[in-house]
């Protein structure tokens, strides 16, 4: 199942209702930044892997995401083979 939510608050509400194998999280979002969202998600759902995605691919941005609790990191534009490999890593072989 794939669910797309535009805001972090909607994501948090959905997570409370559903079971997800992983979260693909954009780091630049309205209302709440991705780093803050990752920290909140990891407190409530520490076992769900989070894959960060961003167009702002700096070493510092990746470091912040990983320190916040991300399990992996993709840069935009996302290549299909990289995305599928990441999905396989967390969905097929958790």
C-alpha atoms as a PDB file:
ATOM      1  CA  UNK A   1       0.000   0.000   0.000  1.00  0.00           C
ATOM      2  CA  UNK A   2       1.251   3.458  -0.883  1.00  0.00           C
ATOM      3  CA  UNK A   3      -0.115   6.501   0.905  1.00  0.00           C
ATOM      4  CA  UNK A   4       0.794  10.074   0.005  1.00  0.00           C
ATOM      5  CA  UNK A   5       0.254  12.763   2.621  1.00  0.00           C
ATOM      6  CA  UNK A   6       0.962  16.441   2.010  1.00  0.00           C
ATOM      7  CA  UNK A   7       1.609  17.457   5.609  1.00  0.00           C
ATOM      8  CA  UNK A   8       3.362  15.890   8.560  1.00  0.00           C
ATOM      9  CA  UNK A   9       0.250  16.133  10.711  1.00  0.00           C
ATOM     10  CA  UNK A  10      -1.681  14.012   8.216  1.00  0.00           C
ATOM     11  CA  UNK A  11       1.177  11.529   8.145  1.00  0.00           C
ATOM     12  CA  UNK A  12       1.148  11.217  11.907  1.00  0.00           C
ATOM     13  CA  UNK A  13      -2.612  10.605  11.937  1.00  0.00           C
ATOM     14  CA  UNK A  14      -2.290   7.956   9.201  1.00  0.00           C
ATOM     15  CA  UNK A  15       0.534   6.187  11.009  1.00  0.00           C
ATOM     16  CA  UNK A  16      -1.627   5.856  14.098  1.00  0.00           C
ATOM     17  CA  UNK A  17      -4.233   3.991  12.009  1.00  0.00           C
ATOM     18  CA  UNK A  18      -2.123   1.884   9.652  1.00  0.00           C
ATOM     19  CA  UNK A  19       0.925  -0.366   9.649  1.00  0.00           C
ATOM     20  CA  UNK A  20       3.675   0.749   7.295  1.00  0.00           C
ATOM     21  CA  UNK A  21       6.875  -1.013   6.302  1.00  0.00           C
ATOM     22  CA  UNK A  22       8.807   2.227   5.810  1.00  0.00           C
ATOM     23  CA  UNK A  23       8.354   5.978   5.359  1.00  0.00           C
ATOM     24  CA  UNK A  24       9.683   7.952   2.403  1.00  0.00           C
ATOM     25  CA  UNK A  25      10.035  11.483   3.821  1.00  0.00           C
ATOM     26  CA  UNK A  26      10.813  14.684   1.967  1.00  0.00           C
ATOM     27  CA  UNK A  27      13.012  16.949   4.064  1.00  0.00           C
ATOM     28  CA  UNK A  28      11.513  20.209   2.756  1.00  0.00           C
ATOM     29  CA  UNK A  29       7.825  20.362   3.648  1.00  0.00           C
ATOM     30  CA  UNK A  30       5.316  23.041   4.593  1.00  0.00           C
ATOM     31  CA  UNK A  31       4.397  23.648   8.236  1.00  0.00           C
ATOM     32  CA  UNK A  32       7.090  21.417   9.751  1.00  0.00           C
ATOM     33  CA  UNK A  33      10.551  20.650   8.440  1.00  0.00           C
ATOM     34  CA  UNK A  34      11.548  17.104   7.640  1.00  0.00           C
ATOM     35  CA  UNK A  35      14.198  16.915  10.356  1.00  0.00           C
ATOM     36  CA  UNK A  36      11.696  17.842  13.060  1.00  0.00           C
ATOM     37  CA  UNK A  37       9.153  15.439  11.586  1.00  0.00           C
ATOM     38  CA  UNK A  38      11.676  12.599  11.566  1.00  0.00           C
ATOM     39  CA  UNK A  39      12.485  13.217  15.220  1.00  0.00           C
ATOM     40  CA  UNK A  40       8.788  13.116  16.147  1.00  0.00           C
ATOM     41  CA  UNK A  41       8.167  10.001  14.069  1.00  0.00           C
ATOM     42  CA  UNK A  42      11.123   8.150  15.585  1.00  0.00           C
ATOM     43  CA  UNK A  43       9.867   8.860  19.108  1.00  0.00           C
ATOM     44  CA  UNK A  44       6.430   7.395  18.357  1.00  0.00           C
ATOM     45  CA  UNK A  45       7.465   4.738  15.813  1.00  0.00           C
ATOM     46  CA  UNK A  46      11.108   3.809  16.445  1.00  0.00           C
ATOM     47  CA  UNK A  47      10.979   0.574  14.431  1.00  0.00           C
ATOM     48  CA  UNK A  48       9.630   2.006  11.161  1.00  0.00           C
ATOM     49  CA  UNK A  49      12.526   2.779   8.799  1.00  0.00           C
ATOM     50  CA  UNK A  50      12.559   6.322   7.415  1.00  0.00           C
ATOM     51  CA  UNK A  51      14.124   7.100   4.054  1.00  0.00           C
ATOM     52  CA  UNK A  52      14.799  10.803   3.607  1.00  0.00           C
ATOM     53  CA  UNK A  53      14.590  12.411   0.192  1.00  0.00           C
ATOM     54  CA  UNK A  54      15.702  15.870  -0.830  1.00  0.00           C
ATOM     55  CA  UNK A  55      16.840  17.988  -3.732  1.00  0.00           C
ATOM     56  CA  UNK A  56      19.236  19.806  -1.378  1.00  0.00           C
ATOM     57  CA  UNK A  57      21.912  17.133  -1.378  1.00  0.00           C
ATOM     58  CA  UNK A  58      24.628  18.495   0.838  1.00  0.00           C
ATOM     59  CA  UNK A  59      26.742  16.442   3.202  1.00  0.00           C
ATOM     60  CA  UNK A  60      25.428  18.521   6.121  1.00  0.00           C
ATOM     61  CA  UNK A  61      21.799  17.890   5.140  1.00  0.00           C
ATOM     62  CA  UNK A  62      22.396  14.144   4.969  1.00  0.00           C
ATOM     63  CA  UNK A  63      24.200  14.215   8.313  1.00  0.00           C
ATOM     64  CA  UNK A  64      21.294  16.080   9.955  1.00  0.00           C
ATOM     65  CA  UNK A  65      18.792  13.596   8.559  1.00  0.00           C
ATOM     66  CA  UNK A  66      20.765  10.596   9.741  1.00  0.00           C
ATOM     67  CA  UNK A  67      21.291  12.135  13.187  1.00  0.00           C
ATOM     68  CA  UNK A  68      17.540  12.808  13.408  1.00  0.00           C
ATOM     69  CA  UNK A  69      16.871   9.100  12.913  1.00  0.00           C
ATOM     70  CA  UNK A  70      16.721   8.390   9.185  1.00  0.00           C
ATOM     71  CA  UNK A  71      17.754   4.948   8.115  1.00  0.00           C
ATOM     72  CA  UNK A  72      18.665   5.955   4.564  1.00  0.00           C
ATOM     73  CA  UNK A  73      18.821   8.931   2.228  1.00  0.00           C
ATOM     74  CA  UNK A  74      17.960   9.546  -1.445  1.00  0.00           C
ATOM     75  CA  UNK A  75      18.662  12.641  -3.490  1.00  0.00           C
ATOM     76  CA  UNK A  76      16.366  14.083  -6.122  1.00  0.00           C
ATOM     77  CA  UNK A  77      15.864  13.482  -8.887  1.00  0.00           C
ATOM     78  CA  UNK A  78      15.323   9.984  -7.565  1.00  0.00           C
ATOM     79  CA  UNK A  79      16.416   7.264  -9.924  1.00  0.00           C
ATOM     80  CA  UNK A  80      13.962   4.405 -10.216  1.00  0.00           C
ATOM     81  CA  UNK A  81      16.623   1.738  -9.636  1.00  0.00           C
ATOM     82  CA  UNK A  82      17.802   3.450  -6.425  1.00  0.00           C
ATOM     83  CA  UNK A  83      14.244   3.776  -5.129  1.00  0.00           C
ATOM     84  CA  UNK A  84      13.407   0.144  -5.904  1.00  0.00           C
ATOM     85  CA  UNK A  85      16.636  -1.021  -4.251  1.00  0.00           C
ATOM     86  CA  UNK A  86      15.734   0.987  -1.139  1.00  0.00           C
ATOM     87  CA  UNK A  87      12.192  -0.419  -1.101  1.00  0.00           C
ATOM     88  CA  UNK A  88      13.537  -3.930  -1.446  1.00  0.00           C
ATOM     89  CA  UNK A  89      16.003  -3.324   1.378  1.00  0.00           C
ATOM     90  CA  UNK A  90      13.269  -2.316   3.845  1.00  0.00           C
ATOM     91  CA  UNK A  91      10.200  -4.088   2.515  1.00  0.00           C
ATOM     92  CA  UNK A  92      11.483  -7.438   1.274  1.00  0.00           C
ATOM     93  CA  UNK A  93      14.380  -7.791   3.723  1.00  0.00           C
ATOM     94  CA  UNK A  94      13.424  -5.844   6.856  1.00  0.00           C
END
